[in-house]
Amino acid sequence: MLEQGRTDSCRSCRGEPWQLMWSRRFAGLGGARRFENLLKKQKDGNGFYRLTGLTRDT
């Protein structure tokens, strides 16, 4: 996905180059998708930062 974002082929990704800020390994695709959905449910953003360990100024 990062490579696709660096090209003009991805309309929603154009602009500034992407930089990977956080990653996590999962045993399987199902666990990764569950965690992705959990992150997307964090409406106010605080849960996102709590789950990833990132700070808002990162």
N, C-alpha and C. Protein backbone atom coordinates (compact mmCIF):
# COMPACT_ATOMS: atom_id res chain seq x y z
N MET A 1 0.81 -1.19 0.00
CA MET A 1 0.00 0.00 0.00
C MET A 1 0.86 1.26 0.00
N LEU A 2 1.98 1.24 0.71
CA LEU A 2 2.83 2.42 0.74
C LEU A 2 3.39 2.73 -0.65
N GLU A 3 3.77 1.69 -1.38
CA GLU A 3 4.28 1.91 -2.73
C GLU A 3 3.20 2.48 -3.64
N GLN A 4 1.98 1.98 -3.52
CA GLN A 4 0.88 2.48 -4.34
C GLN A 4 0.61 3.94 -4.01
N GLY A 5 0.76 4.34 -2.78
CA GLY A 5 0.54 5.72 -2.37
C GLY A 5 1.58 6.68 -2.91
N ARG A 6 2.73 6.14 -3.29
CA ARG A 6 3.79 6.99 -3.82
C ARG A 6 3.64 7.26 -5.32
N THR A 7 2.68 6.61 -5.94
CA THR A 7 2.46 6.81 -7.36
C THR A 7 1.16 7.56 -7.57
N ASP A 8 0.91 7.94 -8.79
CA ASP A 8 -0.33 8.65 -9.09
C ASP A 8 -1.50 7.69 -9.32
N SER A 9 -1.28 6.39 -9.17
CA SER A 9 -2.35 5.43 -9.43
C SER A 9 -3.40 5.40 -8.32
N CYS A 10 -3.08 5.92 -7.17
CA CYS A 10 -4.01 5.93 -6.04
C CYS A 10 -4.47 7.37 -5.81
N ARG A 11 -5.69 7.67 -6.25
CA ARG A 11 -6.20 9.04 -6.19
C ARG A 11 -6.28 9.61 -4.79
N SER A 12 -6.70 8.78 -3.82
CA SER A 12 -6.88 9.28 -2.45
C SER A 12 -5.55 9.41 -1.70
N CYS A 13 -4.47 8.95 -2.28
CA CYS A 13 -3.18 8.93 -1.58
C CYS A 13 -2.19 9.96 -2.12
N ARG A 14 -2.57 10.75 -3.07
CA ARG A 14 -1.63 11.71 -3.67
C ARG A 14 -1.25 12.78 -2.66
N GLY A 15 -0.13 13.42 -2.92
CA GLY A 15 0.31 14.50 -2.05
C GLY A 15 1.63 14.16 -1.39
N GLU A 16 1.71 14.41 -0.12
CA GLU A 16 2.93 14.16 0.63
C GLU A 16 3.26 12.67 0.65
N PRO A 17 4.57 12.34 0.62
CA PRO A 17 4.95 10.92 0.72
C PRO A 17 4.53 10.35 2.07
N TRP A 18 4.17 9.09 2.07
CA TRP A 18 3.75 8.42 3.30
C TRP A 18 4.98 7.99 4.08
N GLN A 19 4.82 7.94 5.39
CA GLN A 19 5.87 7.43 6.27
C GLN A 19 5.22 6.46 7.25
N LEU A 20 5.75 5.26 7.35
CA LEU A 20 5.22 4.26 8.27
C LEU A 20 5.53 4.69 9.70
N MET A 21 4.49 4.86 10.51
CA MET A 21 4.65 5.32 11.88
C MET A 21 4.48 4.21 12.92
N TRP A 22 3.79 3.14 12.54
CA TRP A 22 3.47 2.09 13.50
C TRP A 22 3.14 0.82 12.73
N SER A 23 3.54 -0.31 13.25
CA SER A 23 3.15 -1.59 12.65
C SER A 23 3.04 -2.64 13.75
N ARG A 24 2.34 -3.69 13.43
CA ARG A 24 2.15 -4.80 14.37
C ARG A 24 1.96 -6.07 13.57
N ARG A 25 2.52 -7.16 14.02
CA ARG A 25 2.36 -8.45 13.35
C ARG A 25 1.20 -9.22 13.96
N PHE A 26 0.48 -9.93 13.11
CA PHE A 26 -0.64 -10.75 13.56
C PHE A 26 -0.43 -12.17 13.07
N ALA A 27 -0.96 -13.12 13.82
CA ALA A 27 -0.82 -14.53 13.45
C ALA A 27 -1.58 -14.86 12.18
N GLY A 28 -2.66 -14.15 11.94
CA GLY A 28 -3.46 -14.43 10.75
C GLY A 28 -4.21 -13.19 10.28
N LEU A 29 -4.80 -13.32 9.12
CA LEU A 29 -5.55 -12.23 8.52
C LEU A 29 -6.76 -11.85 9.36
N GLY A 30 -7.42 -12.84 9.96
CA GLY A 30 -8.61 -12.57 10.78
C GLY A 30 -8.30 -11.67 11.96
N GLY A 31 -7.21 -11.93 12.65
CA GLY A 31 -6.82 -11.09 13.77
C GLY A 31 -6.46 -9.68 13.33
N ALA A 32 -5.81 -9.56 12.19
CA ALA A 32 -5.47 -8.24 11.66
C ALA A 32 -6.72 -7.45 11.31
N ARG A 33 -7.68 -8.10 10.70
CA ARG A 33 -8.92 -7.42 10.33
C ARG A 33 -9.74 -7.02 11.56
N ARG A 34 -9.75 -7.86 12.58
CA ARG A 34 -10.45 -7.51 13.83
C ARG A 34 -9.82 -6.28 14.47
N PHE A 35 -8.48 -6.24 14.48
CA PHE A 35 -7.80 -5.09 15.07
C PHE A 35 -8.03 -3.84 14.23
N GLU A 36 -8.04 -3.96 12.92
CA GLU A 36 -8.33 -2.83 12.04
C GLU A 36 -9.72 -2.26 12.35
N ASN A 37 -10.71 -3.13 12.49
CA ASN A 37 -12.07 -2.68 12.81
C ASN A 37 -12.12 -2.03 14.19
N LEU A 38 -11.37 -2.56 15.14
CA LEU A 38 -11.32 -1.97 16.48
C LEU A 38 -10.73 -0.56 16.40
N LEU A 39 -9.68 -0.38 15.61
CA LEU A 39 -9.10 0.95 15.45
C LEU A 39 -10.09 1.92 14.82
N LYS A 40 -10.83 1.45 13.83
CA LYS A 40 -11.78 2.31 13.12
C LYS A 40 -12.96 2.71 14.00
N LYS A 41 -13.24 1.94 15.06
CA LYS A 41 -14.35 2.25 15.97
C LYS A 41 -13.98 3.34 16.97
N GLN A 42 -12.73 3.73 17.05
CA GLN A 42 -12.29 4.73 18.02
C GLN A 42 -12.63 6.12 17.50
N LYS A 43 -13.84 6.56 17.72
CA LYS A 43 -14.36 7.79 17.12
C LYS A 43 -13.66 9.05 17.58
N ASP A 44 -13.30 9.14 18.86
CA ASP A 44 -12.70 10.38 19.35
C ASP A 44 -11.19 10.42 19.16
N GLY A 45 -10.59 9.32 18.77
CA GLY A 45 -9.15 9.28 18.53
C GLY A 45 -8.34 8.84 19.73
N ASN A 46 -8.85 9.05 20.94
CA ASN A 46 -8.08 8.68 22.12
C ASN A 46 -7.81 7.18 22.17
N GLY A 47 -8.81 6.38 21.81
CA GLY A 47 -8.64 4.93 21.79
C GLY A 47 -7.60 4.49 20.78
N PHE A 48 -7.56 5.17 19.64
CA PHE A 48 -6.55 4.86 18.61
C PHE A 48 -5.14 5.05 19.19
N TYR A 49 -4.93 6.17 19.84
CA TYR A 49 -3.60 6.44 20.41
C TYR A 49 -3.28 5.49 21.56
N ARG A 50 -4.29 5.13 22.34
CA ARG A 50 -4.08 4.19 23.44
C ARG A 50 -3.71 2.81 22.89
N LEU A 51 -4.40 2.36 21.84
CA LEU A 51 -4.16 1.03 21.28
C LEU A 51 -2.83 0.93 20.55
N THR A 52 -2.39 2.01 19.92
CA THR A 52 -1.15 1.98 19.15
C THR A 52 0.06 2.44 19.94
N GLY A 53 -0.17 3.19 21.02
CA GLY A 53 0.96 3.72 21.78
C GLY A 53 1.55 4.97 21.17
N LEU A 54 0.94 5.48 20.11
CA LEU A 54 1.40 6.73 19.49
C LEU A 54 0.89 7.91 20.28
N THR A 55 1.50 9.07 20.04
CA THR A 55 1.02 10.31 20.64
C THR A 55 0.49 11.21 19.51
N ARG A 56 -0.33 12.15 19.88
CA ARG A 56 -0.94 13.04 18.87
C ARG A 56 0.09 13.86 18.12
N ASP A 57 1.20 14.17 18.72
CA ASP A 57 2.22 14.99 18.07
C ASP A 57 3.22 14.18 17.25
N THR A 58 2.98 12.86 17.11
CA THR A 58 3.88 11.99 16.35
C THR A 58 3.76 12.28 14.88
